[in-house]
Amino acid sequence: HIGGNETAPVIDGNLTVNEGTDFTVVIPQEDPGVVSREAVVQFLDFSNASNEDSLLMAPYDSLNRFSLTGFEVSTNISIDKDAVFNIVIDEANGDLVNLQGEATLSAGIDPSGKINLTGNYVIDQGSYQLSYNFIQRRFDIEKGSRIEWFGEPTAAEVDLTAIYIANTAPLDLVSDYISASN
């Protein structure tokens, strides 16, 4: 529904992501020809950021604001559990997150351009394909893991459990405990 007037439009509606959806987002790399990795995973404390951290977070902070002001948008979003979402983290190395799950979200933009998102996404199945140098590992995301938003789209609470099953020879695990006579 679109209401309001030409200087202050008010938009509200419902959005459903149906089964059969296969949505892929590729996170752009600064320089795809040269990949430099100081760490596999880097954690930042958004609530207590130093100047160096704030420079790293600047591109993500732009996701919390809409460039046009004066709009008032309110949308309810529901995601079917059979919709597939892929996030390509590093296209050159093949790092990829694959998710399927259900969500009930509420998204909006206030007249100042601030974007808000509330609700949760409960994961039914998913995986994270990690590539580091020559090592490639697939971590399965446990059913029931969740992502919850309470306002800013980039400030979600993530509660994920990832599982990696390693097939190893049992002798290597107990060799220190077996005596030479046995």
Protein backbone atom coordinates (compact mmCIF):
# COMPACT_ATOMS: atom_id res chain seq x y z
CA HIS A 1 0.00 0.00 0.00
CA ILE A 2 1.33 3.43 -0.94
CA GLY A 3 -0.09 6.48 0.81
CA GLY A 4 1.00 9.85 2.10
CA ASN A 5 1.85 12.58 -0.38
CA GLU A 6 4.60 13.30 -2.92
CA THR A 7 6.90 14.89 -0.32
CA ALA A 8 6.33 12.29 2.41
CA PRO A 9 5.24 8.96 0.95
CA VAL A 10 4.17 6.19 3.33
CA ILE A 11 4.69 2.65 2.06
CA ASP A 12 3.67 -0.52 3.86
CA GLY A 13 3.26 -4.08 2.72
CA ASN A 14 4.04 -7.74 2.99
CA LEU A 15 6.84 -9.56 1.23
CA THR A 16 7.05 -13.35 0.96
CA VAL A 17 10.12 -15.27 -0.19
CA ASN A 18 8.64 -18.49 -1.56
CA GLU A 19 10.01 -22.01 -1.88
CA GLY A 20 12.12 -22.48 -4.98
CA THR A 21 13.92 -19.17 -4.40
CA ASP A 22 17.69 -19.46 -4.89
CA PHE A 23 19.21 -16.08 -3.97
CA THR A 24 22.98 -15.50 -4.14
CA VAL A 25 24.89 -12.47 -2.88
CA VAL A 26 28.56 -12.00 -3.76
CA ILE A 27 30.45 -9.80 -1.32
CA PRO A 28 32.73 -7.62 -3.47
CA GLN A 29 36.46 -7.83 -2.83
CA GLU A 30 38.64 -4.71 -2.78
CA ASP A 31 41.27 -6.24 -5.06
CA PRO A 32 40.27 -9.61 -6.50
CA GLY A 33 43.75 -10.17 -7.98
CA VAL A 34 45.55 -10.07 -4.64
CA VAL A 35 44.14 -11.89 -1.64
CA SER A 36 45.76 -11.04 1.66
CA ARG A 37 44.63 -12.82 4.81
CA GLU A 38 45.87 -11.80 8.21
CA ALA A 39 43.39 -14.07 9.97
CA VAL A 40 40.71 -16.55 9.01
CA VAL A 41 38.06 -14.90 11.20
CA GLN A 42 38.20 -11.41 12.64
CA PHE A 43 35.86 -10.42 15.47
CA LEU A 44 35.02 -6.75 16.06
CA ASP A 45 33.29 -5.29 19.09
CA PHE A 46 30.86 -2.78 17.56
CA SER A 47 29.97 -1.33 20.96
CA ASN A 48 33.59 -0.54 21.90
CA ALA A 49 35.31 0.32 18.64
CA SER A 50 38.75 1.89 18.31
CA ASN A 51 39.58 4.22 15.42
CA GLU A 52 41.11 1.32 13.50
CA ASP A 53 37.98 -0.80 14.01
CA SER A 54 35.70 2.04 12.94
CA LEU A 55 37.55 2.24 9.60
CA LEU A 56 36.90 -1.48 9.08
CA MET A 57 33.22 -1.09 10.02
CA ALA A 58 32.52 2.00 7.84
CA PRO A 59 31.34 0.07 4.74
CA TYR A 60 28.91 -1.97 6.88
CA ASP A 61 27.53 1.09 8.67
CA SER A 62 26.24 2.38 5.32
CA LEU A 63 23.84 -0.59 5.31
CA ASN A 64 21.97 1.01 8.22
CA ARG A 65 20.93 4.13 6.28
CA PHE A 66 18.93 4.74 3.12
CA SER A 67 20.27 7.49 0.85
CA LEU A 68 16.83 9.02 0.20
CA THR A 69 15.06 10.69 3.10
CA GLY A 70 11.41 11.51 3.64
CA PHE A 71 10.12 8.00 2.99
CA GLU A 72 8.34 6.00 5.66
CA VAL A 73 8.49 2.31 4.78
CA SER A 74 7.16 -0.60 6.82
CA THR A 75 7.30 -4.17 5.53
CA ASN A 76 6.58 -7.61 6.97
CA ILE A 77 8.84 -10.27 5.47
CA SER A 78 8.25 -14.01 5.67
CA ILE A 79 10.73 -16.53 4.30
CA ASP A 80 9.74 -20.10 3.38
CA LYS A 81 11.98 -22.86 4.78
CA ASP A 82 12.72 -24.15 1.26
CA ALA A 83 14.12 -20.82 0.00
CA VAL A 84 17.91 -21.02 -0.46
CA PHE A 85 20.28 -18.16 0.36
CA ASN A 86 23.96 -18.20 -0.66
CA ILE A 87 26.55 -15.68 0.45
CA VAL A 88 29.85 -15.81 -1.45
CA ILE A 89 32.34 -14.40 1.04
CA ASP A 90 35.49 -14.82 -1.06
CA GLU A 91 34.86 -15.58 -4.71
CA ALA A 92 38.52 -16.23 -5.53
CA ASN A 93 38.97 -18.88 -2.82
CA GLY A 94 35.44 -20.30 -2.87
CA ASP A 95 34.32 -19.34 0.66
CA LEU A 96 30.55 -19.75 0.69
CA VAL A 97 27.69 -19.78 3.20
CA ASN A 98 24.55 -21.67 2.21
CA LEU A 99 21.38 -21.33 4.32
CA GLN A 100 17.80 -22.59 4.33
CA GLY A 101 15.32 -21.75 7.05
CA GLU A 102 12.22 -19.88 8.11
CA ALA A 103 11.96 -16.23 9.05
CA THR A 104 9.42 -13.70 10.14
CA LEU A 105 10.94 -10.24 9.91
CA SER A 106 9.79 -6.67 10.10
CA ALA A 107 11.79 -4.12 8.12
CA GLY A 108 11.40 -0.39 7.76
CA ILE A 109 12.90 2.95 6.88
CA ASP A 110 12.01 6.04 8.89
CA PRO A 111 11.81 9.53 7.31
CA SER A 112 15.43 10.30 8.36
CA GLY A 113 16.64 7.34 6.26
CA LYS A 114 17.45 5.02 9.18
CA ILE A 115 16.87 1.36 8.31
CA ASN A 116 15.59 -1.05 10.94
CA LEU A 117 15.12 -4.80 10.98
CA THR A 118 13.59 -6.97 13.70
CA GLY A 119 12.75 -10.65 13.86
CA ASN A 120 14.55 -13.94 13.58
CA TYR A 121 15.75 -16.41 10.98
CA VAL A 122 15.79 -20.02 12.20
CA ILE A 123 18.09 -22.21 10.13
CA ASP A 124 16.78 -25.59 9.01
CA GLN A 125 19.96 -26.58 7.18
CA GLY A 126 23.08 -24.89 5.95
CA SER A 127 26.82 -25.05 5.53
CA TYR A 128 29.97 -22.96 5.43
CA GLN A 129 32.59 -23.89 2.85
CA LEU A 130 35.95 -22.62 4.12
CA SER A 131 39.09 -22.43 1.99
CA TYR A 132 42.39 -21.40 3.52
CA ASN A 133 45.49 -21.83 1.38
CA PHE A 134 45.23 -25.47 0.23
CA ILE A 135 42.88 -26.55 3.02
CA GLN A 136 39.19 -26.85 2.21
CA ARG A 137 36.63 -27.74 4.87
CA ARG A 138 32.86 -27.88 4.91
CA PHE A 139 31.14 -27.07 8.20
CA ASP A 140 27.48 -28.07 8.48
CA ILE A 141 25.30 -25.61 10.37
CA GLU A 142 23.18 -27.33 12.99
CA LYS A 143 19.40 -27.23 12.60
CA GLY A 144 17.86 -24.71 15.02
CA SER A 145 20.73 -22.22 14.78
CA ARG A 146 19.40 -18.69 14.49
CA ILE A 147 20.05 -15.10 13.53
CA GLU A 148 18.08 -12.42 15.41
CA TRP A 149 17.73 -8.73 14.61
CA PHE A 150 16.64 -6.13 17.16
CA GLY A 151 17.03 -2.90 15.15
CA GLU A 152 20.06 -2.21 12.98
CA PRO A 153 20.48 -4.70 10.10
CA THR A 154 24.23 -5.01 10.78
CA ALA A 155 23.82 -5.62 14.53
CA ALA A 156 22.32 -9.11 14.54
CA GLU A 157 22.80 -11.67 17.27
CA VAL A 158 24.08 -14.85 15.67
CA ASP A 159 23.71 -18.18 17.48
CA LEU A 160 25.19 -20.79 15.13
CA THR A 161 26.61 -24.20 15.82
CA ALA A 162 28.86 -25.53 13.06
CA ILE A 163 29.82 -29.19 12.80
CA TYR A 164 32.86 -30.67 11.10
CA ILE A 165 33.24 -34.43 11.05
CA ALA A 166 36.81 -35.66 10.70
CA ASN A 167 37.42 -39.26 9.66
CA THR A 168 40.68 -40.24 11.34
CA ALA A 169 42.45 -43.48 12.11
CA PRO A 170 41.62 -44.47 15.70
CA LEU A 171 45.19 -45.71 16.32
CA ASP A 172 46.49 -42.12 16.15
CA LEU A 173 44.06 -41.12 18.88
CA VAL A 174 45.09 -43.83 21.36
CA SER A 175 48.72 -44.54 20.42
CA ASP A 176 50.06 -42.77 23.55
CA TYR A 177 48.01 -45.08 25.77
CA ILE A 178 48.97 -48.38 24.18
CA SER A 179 52.13 -49.90 25.60
CA ALA A 180 54.74 -51.56 23.43
CA SER A 181 53.87 -55.00 24.87
CA ASN A 182 50.23 -54.71 23.79
